[in-house]
Amino acid sequence: MDILGSALGDTSALTFGQALVTLLAAYVLSQSIGAVYAWTFRGLSYSRTFAQALVVGGIVAAMLMLAIGDSLARGIGIVGTLALIRFRTNLRDPLDMLFIFASFGAGIATGTGNFAVGAVGTALFLVVVAGLRFTGFGAHRQHDGVVRLRMPRGSEATTKLQEALRQECERFSLVTLRELQQGEQVEVVYQVTLRRKDNESGLVHALSALPGASGVSLSMQEATVEL
């Protein structure tokens, strides 16, 4: 019986106060992770439920670690139960996956009583993520956005278009050119870098004023999206 008890570990229940403090610590750390994720997100498809899942994930991880304790039997049982759950959420951003790991890591650290490890690790993770976001590390952008418009075919119209682009843009480059209406018009797409970062409307107005120009649109490029 002693051998069996040793294998199963200590099954004595935690006090209410100990469990409460542990779960509250997990909540504070995972809430910080969720808040920084929402604050620094610059992707194309933000999910509010994903940010909420980061907060809840740390609490769940801490609860599981408290339930397992030092018991081998509990650990095997919980692992078997979790194996029945299939997670089908597709994560397009690798950083989202790391946020999930950070949330569970904070919960596991607090659940096992390693409060200092959880606090320091979470703080360092958040500082690094925020620093990478605001320093623009890893960005390889050469243009601010993409402008698209339709215009009459001919060298005269092309010359006027490029003159307008030179006035409003620091640099630009042709991406695509497509014929429309049996060659009478062309659709052009340019990558552009604005002379003034807040002058998007000025560029659109200048291009719309060109003779025969239509369908002018400007899509600004986010720092996390490479075109």
Foldseek 3Di string as FASTA:
>chain_A
DVVVDVQFDDQDADDPVLLVVLLVLLLVLQLVLLVLCVVLDFDDDDDPVLSVCSNVLLSVLLVLLNNSPVGPVSVVVVVVVVVVDDDDDDDPDPVSVVSSVLSNVLSNCSSNPNSVCSVVVSVVVSVVSVVCRVVLPPFDDDFFWKKKKKAFDDPVLVVLLVVLQVVFFPDKDWDDWAADPVNGMIMTMMGTHGPDPPCPVVSQVSQVPRPGMDDIDIDTDTRVDDD
